[in-house]
Amino acid sequence: MEQRIRVGNRLLAALRPADFDLLAPHLRKVSLEQDAVLVRSGDPIEQIYFPCSGTVAFIMEMPNGQTVATAIVGNEGAVAILTALGPCLSPMTAVVRVAGTALQISPARFHAALNRSSAVRDAVQTHTKALLAQFQHVAACNALHPVKGRMARWLLHIHDRVDSDFLPLTQDALSELLGVRRTTVTHVVRKLRGSRAIRSNRRGLIEVDRARLEAAACECYEVMRRRIDRIVAPEDKKISRVRDPLLARLDEAQRETQTRAVTGQRARGH
């Protein structure tokens, strides 16, 4: 009997089979290692990524060296998809914050499918609008809301995209997400621990208490979550494809890595 595998990326899964088949021969499943830089600001975009698991943060780098996250994506979106509209340099840096896998395709191959399929063009436009809305909302949130609420919001956004209550985030990563000093991160983490919204340890893992963290987050979390949901395809429209040996090996390696990472930790519960 033929083995089947669902398309792990929800943006691709929303495409009809005929449209997806324009991309399928050119998609390659790759591992996304934690802290890997997929593209740097100002560099040519050489690959487009459709995450299937894990989380990627878009980071804006200022001339004085300070950094701040402007958006994150998981399996609901894509990285570097703007190049589908034409050759361009990356306007920001994309960094893997939680390890996972992605489907990778060259801009030229994706652009060829774009020219042949209105559905692929519609998917790009829908995703781009949702991403721009996230950029705008994050900018407003950064200007108007306290760091504690913003940290809780980012943690919830990441938690939405991973299958664990343990988030592999160091203080340096949190500092980069929030655009604040590490001393500020230490202070805010202490506050969230005090309210039992999170527990952290020395291995760079933050354990999340979902209900308490939602209570600590600013109202932006729920507004932004609803906007992201608008680009997510219903589960029953997802597309199945044949598993090949490369996908099987990558999936097995990812499972082994995740098993080692959570050894000794309690199972996720809600």
C-alpha atoms as a PDB file:
ATOM      1  CA  MET A   1       0.000   0.000   0.000  1.00  0.00           C
ATOM      2  CA  GLU A   2       1.271   3.451  -0.898  1.00  0.00           C
ATOM      3  CA  GLN A   3       2.551   5.490   2.047  1.00  0.00           C
ATOM      4  CA  ARG A   4       1.175   9.006   2.211  1.00  0.00           C
ATOM      5  CA  ILE A   5       2.384  12.144   3.940  1.00  0.00           C
ATOM      6  CA  ARG A   6       0.445  15.321   4.468  1.00  0.00           C
ATOM      7  CA  VAL A   7       1.898  18.607   3.300  1.00  0.00           C
ATOM      8  CA  GLY A   8       3.328  20.037   6.502  1.00  0.00           C
ATOM      9  CA  ASN A   9       3.029  23.691   5.514  1.00  0.00           C
ATOM     10  CA  ARG A  10      -0.496  25.043   5.767  1.00  0.00           C
ATOM     11  CA  LEU A  11      -0.019  27.715   3.105  1.00  0.00           C
ATOM     12  CA  LEU A  12       0.911  25.055   0.556  1.00  0.00           C
ATOM     13  CA  ALA A  13      -1.759  22.698   1.865  1.00  0.00           C
ATOM     14  CA  ALA A  14      -4.457  25.204   0.898  1.00  0.00           C
ATOM     15  CA  LEU A  15      -3.553  24.845  -2.792  1.00  0.00           C
ATOM     16  CA  ARG A  16      -5.562  22.567  -5.055  1.00  0.00           C
ATOM     17  CA  PRO A  17      -3.679  19.446  -6.238  1.00  0.00           C
ATOM     18  CA  ALA A  18      -3.153  20.801  -9.768  1.00  0.00           C
ATOM     19  CA  ASP A  19      -1.576  24.000  -8.414  1.00  0.00           C
ATOM     20  CA  PHE A  20       0.499  22.186  -5.808  1.00  0.00           C
ATOM     21  CA  ASP A  21       1.822  19.840  -8.513  1.00  0.00           C
ATOM     22  CA  LEU A  22       3.499  22.809 -10.209  1.00  0.00           C
ATOM     23  CA  LEU A  23       5.680  23.169  -7.100  1.00  0.00           C
ATOM     24  CA  ALA A  24       5.982  19.594  -5.829  1.00  0.00           C
ATOM     25  CA  PRO A  25       8.826  18.367  -8.128  1.00  0.00           C
ATOM     26  CA  HIS A  26      11.018  21.267  -7.004  1.00  0.00           C
ATOM     27  CA  LEU A  27      10.348  21.231  -3.261  1.00  0.00           C
ATOM     28  CA  ARG A  28      13.095  19.798  -1.070  1.00  0.00           C
ATOM     29  CA  LYS A  29      12.628  19.044   2.612  1.00  0.00           C
ATOM     30  CA  VAL A  30      15.426  20.514   4.754  1.00  0.00           C
ATOM     31  CA  SER A  31      16.215  20.707   8.437  1.00  0.00           C
ATOM     32  CA  LEU A  32      16.036  24.081  10.180  1.00  0.00           C
ATOM     33  CA  GLU A  33      18.663  24.161  12.926  1.00  0.00           C
ATOM     34  CA  GLN A  34      18.143  26.411  15.934  1.00  0.00           C
ATOM     35  CA  ASP A  35      19.834  29.832  15.517  1.00  0.00           C
ATOM     36  CA  ALA A  36      20.509  29.191  11.813  1.00  0.00           C
ATOM     37  CA  VAL A  37      20.317  32.322   9.652  1.00  0.00           C
ATOM     38  CA  LEU A  38      18.215  31.571   6.565  1.00  0.00           C
ATOM     39  CA  VAL A  39      18.857  34.946   4.948  1.00  0.00           C
ATOM     40  CA  ARG A  40      20.612  38.125   6.074  1.00  0.00           C
ATOM     41  CA  SER A  41      19.423  41.673   5.589  1.00  0.00           C
ATOM     42  CA  GLY A  42      20.784  43.110   2.334  1.00  0.00           C
ATOM     43  CA  ASP A  43      21.722  39.729   0.848  1.00  0.00           C
ATOM     44  CA  PRO A  44      20.183  38.276  -2.321  1.00  0.00           C
ATOM     45  CA  ILE A  45      17.387  35.790  -1.587  1.00  0.00           C
ATOM     46  CA  GLU A  46      18.528  32.392  -2.884  1.00  0.00           C
ATOM     47  CA  GLN A  47      15.848  30.127  -1.402  1.00  0.00           C
ATOM     48  CA  ILE A  48      12.212  30.341  -0.316  1.00  0.00           C
ATOM     49  CA  TYR A  49      11.241  28.332   2.764  1.00  0.00           C
ATOM     50  CA  PHE A  50       7.856  26.947   3.747  1.00  0.00           C
ATOM     51  CA  PRO A  51       8.244  25.819   7.382  1.00  0.00           C
ATOM     52  CA  CYS A  52       6.572  22.543   8.322  1.00  0.00           C
ATOM     53  CA  SER A  53       7.600  22.733  11.975  1.00  0.00           C
ATOM     54  CA  GLY A  54       9.611  25.057  14.198  1.00  0.00           C
ATOM     55  CA  THR A  55       9.603  28.849  14.252  1.00  0.00           C
ATOM     56  CA  VAL A  56      11.468  31.526  12.282  1.00  0.00           C
ATOM     57  CA  ALA A  57      11.828  35.115  13.498  1.00  0.00           C
ATOM     58  CA  PHE A  58      12.217  38.115  11.199  1.00  0.00           C
ATOM     59  CA  ILE A  59      14.806  40.402  12.759  1.00  0.00           C
ATOM     60  CA  MET A  60      15.408  44.066  11.971  1.00  0.00           C
ATOM     61  CA  GLU A  61      18.998  45.202  12.541  1.00  0.00           C
ATOM     62  CA  MET A  62      19.635  48.857  13.351  1.00  0.00           C
ATOM     63  CA  PRO A  63      22.819  50.772  12.388  1.00  0.00           C
ATOM     64  CA  ASN A  64      23.978  50.826  16.038  1.00  0.00           C
ATOM     65  CA  GLY A  65      23.834  47.028  16.245  1.00  0.00           C
ATOM     66  CA  GLN A  66      20.559  46.740  18.144  1.00  0.00           C
ATOM     67  CA  THR A  67      18.092  44.124  16.926  1.00  0.00           C
ATOM     68  CA  VAL A  68      14.368  43.541  17.364  1.00  0.00           C
ATOM     69  CA  ALA A  69      11.894  40.986  16.021  1.00  0.00           C
ATOM     70  CA  THR A  70       9.213  42.293  13.673  1.00  0.00           C
ATOM     71  CA  ALA A  71       7.338  39.029  13.040  1.00  0.00           C
ATOM     72  CA  ILE A  72       7.531  35.262  13.390  1.00  0.00           C
ATOM     73  CA  VAL A  73       6.262  32.491  11.140  1.00  0.00           C
ATOM     74  CA  GLY A  74       5.737  28.770  11.484  1.00  0.00           C
ATOM     75  CA  ASN A  75       3.910  26.240   9.378  1.00  0.00           C
ATOM     76  CA  GLU A  76       1.225  28.795   8.501  1.00  0.00           C
ATOM     77  CA  GLY A  77       3.528  30.882   6.330  1.00  0.00           C
ATOM     78  CA  ALA A  78       6.779  31.262   4.419  1.00  0.00           C
ATOM     79  CA  VAL A  79      10.199  32.905   4.548  1.00  0.00           C
ATOM     80  CA  ALA A  80      11.550  35.065   1.704  1.00  0.00           C
ATOM     81  CA  ILE A  81       8.376  34.700  -0.353  1.00  0.00           C
ATOM     82  CA  LEU A  82       8.497  38.363  -1.396  1.00  0.00           C
ATOM     83  CA  THR A  83      11.154  37.427  -3.937  1.00  0.00           C
ATOM     84  CA  ALA A  84       8.356  35.728  -5.871  1.00  0.00           C
ATOM     85  CA  LEU A  85       7.350  39.222  -6.944  1.00  0.00           C
ATOM     86  CA  GLY A  86      10.760  39.758  -8.544  1.00  0.00           C
ATOM     87  CA  PRO A  87      14.504  39.599  -7.735  1.00  0.00           C
ATOM     88  CA  CYS A  88      15.329  41.581  -4.596  1.00  0.00           C
ATOM     89  CA  LEU A  89      17.610  41.847  -1.604  1.00  0.00           C
ATOM     90  CA  SER A  90      16.287  40.687   1.730  1.00  0.00           C
ATOM     91  CA  PRO A  91      14.904  43.621   3.763  1.00  0.00           C
ATOM     92  CA  MET A  92      15.562  41.777   7.047  1.00  0.00           C
ATOM     93  CA  THR A  93      17.300  38.816   8.638  1.00  0.00           C
ATOM     94  CA  ALA A  94      15.433  35.534   9.161  1.00  0.00           C
ATOM     95  CA  VAL A  95      16.668  33.422  12.106  1.00  0.00           C
ATOM     96  CA  VAL A  96      15.438  29.993  13.202  1.00  0.00           C
ATOM     97  CA  ARG A  97      14.308  30.334  16.811  1.00  0.00           C
ATOM     98  CA  VAL A  98      12.868  26.833  17.281  1.00  0.00           C
ATOM     99  CA  ALA A  99      14.353  24.004  15.217  1.00  0.00           C
ATOM    100  CA  GLY A 100      12.164  22.156  12.728  1.00  0.00           C
ATOM    101  CA  THR A 101      11.875  21.359   9.040  1.00  0.00           C
ATOM    102  CA  ALA A 102      10.856  23.247   5.917  1.00  0.00           C
ATOM    103  CA  LEU A 103      10.106  22.742   2.254  1.00  0.00           C
ATOM    104  CA  GLN A 104      12.663  24.691   0.229  1.00  0.00           C
ATOM    105  CA  ILE A 105      12.391  25.923  -3.361  1.00  0.00           C
ATOM    106  CA  SER A 106      14.430  28.288  -5.522  1.00  0.00           C
ATOM    107  CA  PRO A 107      12.893  31.686  -6.353  1.00  0.00           C
ATOM    108  CA  ALA A 108      13.134  30.893 -10.084  1.00  0.00           C
ATOM    109  CA  ARG A 109      11.156  27.649  -9.726  1.00  0.00           C
ATOM    110  CA  PHE A 110       8.570  29.314  -7.520  1.00  0.00           C
ATOM    111  CA  HIS A 111       8.228  32.271  -9.885  1.00  0.00           C
ATOM    112  CA  ALA A 112       7.624  29.899 -12.811  1.00  0.00           C
ATOM    113  CA  ALA A 113       4.740  28.276 -10.905  1.00  0.00           C
ATOM    114  CA  LEU A 114       3.455  31.710  -9.927  1.00  0.00           C
ATOM    115  CA  ASN A 115       3.198  32.691 -13.596  1.00  0.00           C
ATOM    116  CA  ARG A 116       1.143  29.588 -14.375  1.00  0.00           C
ATOM    117  CA  SER A 117      -1.214  29.555 -11.385  1.00  0.00           C
ATOM    118  CA  SER A 118      -3.566  32.242 -10.118  1.00  0.00           C
ATOM    119  CA  ALA A 119      -4.008  30.174  -6.936  1.00  0.00           C
ATOM    120  CA  VAL A 120      -0.284  30.392  -6.166  1.00  0.00           C
ATOM    121  CA  ARG A 121      -0.423  34.155  -6.803  1.00  0.00           C
ATOM    122  CA  ASP A 122      -3.422  34.449  -4.474  1.00  0.00           C
ATOM    123  CA  ALA A 123      -1.574  32.505  -1.764  1.00  0.00           C
ATOM    124  CA  VAL A 124       1.384  34.891  -2.011  1.00  0.00           C
ATOM    125  CA  GLN A 125      -0.873  37.948  -1.824  1.00  0.00           C
ATOM    126  CA  THR A 126      -2.839  36.614   1.131  1.00  0.00           C
ATOM    127  CA  HIS A 127       0.299  35.687   3.056  1.00  0.00           C
ATOM    128  CA  THR A 128       1.957  39.026   2.248  1.00  0.00           C
ATOM    129  CA  LYS A 129      -1.052  40.971   3.536  1.00  0.00           C
ATOM    130  CA  ALA A 130      -1.122  38.951   6.750  1.00  0.00           C
ATOM    131  CA  LEU A 131       2.618  39.410   7.260  1.00  0.00           C
ATOM    132  CA  LEU A 132       2.414  43.166   6.704  1.00  0.00           C
ATOM    133  CA  ALA A 133      -0.434  43.315   9.223  1.00  0.00           C
ATOM    134  CA  GLN A 134       1.808  41.507  11.719  1.00  0.00           C
ATOM    135  CA  PHE A 135       4.636  43.990  11.065  1.00  0.00           C
ATOM    136  CA  GLN A 136       2.277  46.917  11.687  1.00  0.00           C
ATOM    137  CA  HIS A 137       0.776  45.441  14.838  1.00  0.00           C
ATOM    138  CA  VAL A 138       4.168  44.562  16.321  1.00  0.00           C
ATOM    139  CA  ALA A 139       5.359  48.141  15.702  1.00  0.00           C
ATOM    140  CA  ALA A 140       2.314  49.532  17.540  1.00  0.00           C
ATOM    141  CA  CYS A 141       2.658  47.010  20.365  1.00  0.00           C
ATOM    142  CA  ASN A 142       6.360  47.808  20.830  1.00  0.00           C
ATOM    143  CA  ALA A 143       5.517  51.514  21.144  1.00  0.00           C
ATOM    144  CA  LEU A 144       2.518  51.257  23.458  1.00  0.00           C
ATOM    145  CA  HIS A 145       2.773  48.197  25.692  1.00  0.00           C
ATOM    146  CA  PRO A 146       5.049  47.229  28.613  1.00  0.00           C
ATOM    147  CA  VAL A 147       7.838  44.710  28.106  1.00  0.00           C
ATOM    148  CA  LYS A 148       6.159  42.086  30.309  1.00  0.00           C
ATOM    149  CA  GLY A 149       3.043  41.965  28.132  1.00  0.00           C
ATOM    150  CA  ARG A 150       5.129  41.939  24.952  1.00  0.00           C
ATOM    151  CA  MET A 151       7.313  39.071  26.184  1.00  0.00           C
ATOM    152  CA  ALA A 152       4.210  37.055  27.092  1.00  0.00           C
ATOM    153  CA  ARG A 153       2.815  37.765  23.611  1.00  0.00           C
ATOM    154  CA  TRP A 154       5.956  36.534  21.842  1.00  0.00           C
ATOM    155  CA  LEU A 155       6.103  33.408  23.999  1.00  0.00           C
ATOM    156  CA  LEU A 156       2.473  32.626  23.149  1.00  0.00           C
ATOM    157  CA  HIS A 157       3.070  33.149  19.431  1.00  0.00           C
ATOM    158  CA  ILE A 158       6.006  30.724  19.562  1.00  0.00           C
ATOM    159  CA  HIS A 159       4.082  28.271  21.742  1.00  0.00           C
ATOM    160  CA  ASP A 160       1.312  28.235  19.102  1.00  0.00           C
ATOM    161  CA  ARG A 161       3.824  26.946  16.570  1.00  0.00           C
ATOM    162  CA  VAL A 162       5.597  24.200  18.541  1.00  0.00           C
ATOM    163  CA  ASP A 163       4.409  20.918  19.997  1.00  0.00           C
ATOM    164  CA  SER A 164       5.857  21.353  23.452  1.00  0.00           C
ATOM    165  CA  ASP A 165       5.429  23.396  26.620  1.00  0.00           C
ATOM    166  CA  PHE A 166       9.218  23.792  26.683  1.00  0.00           C
ATOM    167  CA  LEU A 167      10.511  26.628  24.484  1.00  0.00           C
ATOM    168  CA  PRO A 168      14.265  26.606  23.706  1.00  0.00           C
ATOM    169  CA  LEU A 169      14.841  30.334  24.188  1.00  0.00           C
ATOM    170  CA  THR A 170      17.935  31.823  25.795  1.00  0.00           C
ATOM    171  CA  GLN A 171      18.052  35.290  27.325  1.00  0.00           C
ATOM    172  CA  ASP A 172      19.971  36.463  24.256  1.00  0.00           C
ATOM    173  CA  ALA A 173      17.153  35.221  22.001  1.00  0.00           C
ATOM    174  CA  LEU A 174      14.528  36.942  24.169  1.00  0.00           C
ATOM    175  CA  SER A 175      16.578  40.141  24.156  1.00  0.00           C
ATOM    176  CA  GLU A 176      16.657  40.031  20.354  1.00  0.00           C
ATOM    177  CA  LEU A 177      12.922  39.366  20.106  1.00  0.00           C
ATOM    178  CA  LEU A 178      12.072  42.287  22.366  1.00  0.00           C
ATOM    179  CA  GLY A 179      14.799  44.766  21.423  1.00  0.00           C
ATOM    180  CA  VAL A 180      15.816  45.272  25.075  1.00  0.00           C
ATOM    181  CA  ARG A 181      18.910  44.654  27.184  1.00  0.00           C
ATOM    182  CA  ARG A 182      19.539  41.312  28.856  1.00  0.00           C
ATOM    183  CA  THR A 183      19.142  42.970  32.261  1.00  0.00           C
ATOM    184  CA  THR A 184      15.591  43.924  31.276  1.00  0.00           C
ATOM    185  CA  VAL A 185      14.933  40.366  30.106  1.00  0.00           C
ATOM    186  CA  THR A 186      16.165  39.010  33.453  1.00  0.00           C
ATOM    187  CA  HIS A 187      13.838  41.373  35.306  1.00  0.00           C
ATOM    188  CA  VAL A 188      10.781  40.479  33.199  1.00  0.00           C
ATOM    189  CA  VAL A 189      11.481  36.737  33.329  1.00  0.00           C
ATOM    190  CA  ARG A 190      11.622  37.023  37.112  1.00  0.00           C
ATOM    191  CA  LYS A 191       8.189  38.695  37.095  1.00  0.00           C
ATOM    192  CA  LEU A 192       6.664  36.012  34.873  1.00  0.00           C
ATOM    193  CA  ARG A 193       8.179  33.308  37.051  1.00  0.00           C
ATOM    194  CA  GLY A 194       6.734  35.025  40.091  1.00  0.00           C
ATOM    195  CA  SER A 195       3.233  34.802  38.613  1.00  0.00           C
ATOM    196  CA  ARG A 196       3.972  31.162  37.596  1.00  0.00           C
ATOM    197  CA  ALA A 197       3.309  31.982  33.935  1.00  0.00           C
ATOM    198  CA  ILE A 198       6.691  30.438  33.078  1.00  0.00           C
ATOM    199  CA  ARG A 199       9.409  28.324  34.619  1.00  0.00           C
ATOM    200  CA  SER A 200      12.935  28.495  33.257  1.00  0.00           C
ATOM    201  CA  ASN A 201      16.135  26.545  33.791  1.00  0.00           C
ATOM    202  CA  ARG A 202      19.810  26.856  32.983  1.00  0.00           C
ATOM    203  CA  ARG A 203      19.578  24.813  29.797  1.00  0.00           C
ATOM    204  CA  GLY A 204      17.902  27.675  27.950  1.00  0.00           C
ATOM    205  CA  LEU A 205      14.416  26.163  28.179  1.00  0.00           C
ATOM    206  CA  ILE A 206      11.316  28.073  29.240  1.00  0.00           C
ATOM    207  CA  GLU A 207       8.360  26.024  30.438  1.00  0.00           C
ATOM    208  CA  VAL A 208       5.041  27.690  29.678  1.00  0.00           C
ATOM    209  CA  ASP A 209       1.846  27.718  31.732  1.00  0.00           C
ATOM    210  CA  ARG A 210      -0.545  28.593  28.933  1.00  0.00           C
ATOM    211  CA  ALA A 211      -3.458  30.016  30.951  1.00  0.00           C
ATOM    212  CA  ARG A 212      -1.275  32.210  33.162  1.00  0.00           C
ATOM    213  CA  LEU A 213       0.783  33.413  30.225  1.00  0.00           C
ATOM    214  CA  GLU A 214      -2.369  34.459  28.358  1.00  0.00           C
ATOM    215  CA  ALA A 215      -3.402  36.462  31.421  1.00  0.00           C
ATOM    216  CA  ALA A 216      -0.020  38.238  31.395  1.00  0.00           C
ATOM    217  CA  ALA A 217      -0.022  39.042  27.659  1.00  0.00           C
ATOM    218  CA  CYS A 218      -1.276  42.288  26.165  1.00  0.00           C
ATOM    219  CA  GLU A 219      -4.441  42.240  24.060  1.00  0.00           C
ATOM    220  CA  CYS A 220      -2.332  42.192  20.891  1.00  0.00           C
ATOM    221  CA  TYR A 221      -1.832  38.440  21.165  1.00  0.00           C
ATOM    222  CA  GLU A 222      -5.455  37.550  20.499  1.00  0.00           C
ATOM    223  CA  VAL A 223      -5.866  40.169  17.754  1.00  0.00           C
ATOM    224  CA  MET A 224      -2.729  38.993  15.942  1.00  0.00           C
ATOM    225  CA  ARG A 225      -3.656  35.321  16.352  1.00  0.00           C
ATOM    226  CA  ARG A 226      -6.983  35.895  14.627  1.00  0.00           C
ATOM    227  CA  ARG A 227      -5.241  37.659  11.745  1.00  0.00           C
ATOM    228  CA  ILE A 228      -2.859  34.737  11.290  1.00  0.00           C
ATOM    229  CA  ASP A 229      -5.754  32.279  11.375  1.00  0.00           C
ATOM    230  CA  ARG A 230      -7.267  33.965   8.327  1.00  0.00           C
ATOM    231  CA  ILE A 231      -4.514  32.558   6.102  1.00  0.00           C
ATOM    232  CA  VAL A 232      -4.724  29.022   7.488  1.00  0.00           C
ATOM    233  CA  ALA A 233      -6.455  26.425   5.319  1.00  0.00           C
ATOM    234  CA  PRO A 234      -9.102  24.102   6.794  1.00  0.00           C
ATOM    235  CA  GLU A 235      -7.684  20.728   7.768  1.00  0.00           C
ATOM    236  CA  ASP A 236      -9.849  18.823   5.261  1.00  0.00           C
ATOM    237  CA  LYS A 237      -8.302  20.713   2.332  1.00  0.00           C
ATOM    238  CA  LYS A 238      -4.769  19.587   3.042  1.00  0.00           C
ATOM    239  CA  ILE A 239      -3.007  17.652   0.299  1.00  0.00           C
ATOM    240  CA  SER A 240      -1.351  14.229   0.638  1.00  0.00           C
ATOM    241  CA  ARG A 241       1.838  13.381  -1.225  1.00  0.00           C
ATOM    242  CA  VAL A 242       4.002  10.279  -1.562  1.00  0.00           C
ATOM    243  CA  ARG A 243       6.805   9.935   0.991  1.00  0.00           C
ATOM    244  CA  ASP A 244      10.260   9.605  -0.523  1.00  0.00           C
ATOM    245  CA  PRO A 245      13.424   8.259   1.196  1.00  0.00           C
ATOM    246  CA  LEU A 246      14.831  11.758   1.815  1.00  0.00           C
ATOM    247  CA  LEU A 247      11.682  12.866   3.648  1.00  0.00           C
ATOM    248  CA  ALA A 248      11.679   9.662   5.674  1.00  0.00           C
ATOM    249  CA  ARG A 249      15.290  10.124   6.759  1.00  0.00           C
ATOM    250  CA  LEU A 250      14.773  13.784   7.690  1.00  0.00           C
ATOM    251  CA  ASP A 251      11.621  12.975   9.653  1.00  0.00           C
ATOM    252  CA  GLU A 252      13.396  10.183  11.532  1.00  0.00           C
ATOM    253  CA  ALA A 253      16.344  12.447  12.366  1.00  0.00           C
ATOM    254  CA  GLN A 254      14.008  15.167  13.628  1.00  0.00           C
ATOM    255  CA  ARG A 255      12.126  12.710  15.843  1.00  0.00           C
ATOM    256  CA  GLU A 256      15.407  11.470  17.344  1.00  0.00           C
ATOM    257  CA  THR A 257      16.532  15.064  18.032  1.00  0.00           C
ATOM    258  CA  GLN A 258      13.233  15.953  19.697  1.00  0.00           C
ATOM    259  CA  THR A 259      13.322  12.770  21.800  1.00  0.00           C
ATOM    260  CA  ARG A 260      16.798  13.621  23.103  1.00  0.00           C
ATOM    261  CA  ALA A 261      15.766  17.229  23.796  1.00  0.00           C
ATOM    262  CA  VAL A 262      12.792  16.313  25.972  1.00  0.00           C
ATOM    263  CA  THR A 263      14.383  13.398  27.841  1.00  0.00           C
ATOM    264  CA  GLY A 264      13.623  13.803  31.516  1.00  0.00           C
ATOM    265  CA  GLN A 265      10.961  16.445  30.899  1.00  0.00           C
ATOM    266  CA  ARG A 266       7.304  15.926  31.680  1.00  0.00           C
ATOM    267  CA  ALA A 267       4.864  15.432  28.819  1.00  0.00           C
ATOM    268  CA  ARG A 268       2.890  18.387  27.527  1.00  0.00           C
ATOM    269  CA  GLY A 269      -0.511  18.890  29.116  1.00  0.00           C
ATOM    270  CA  HIS A 270      -3.279  21.465  28.899  1.00  0.00           C
END
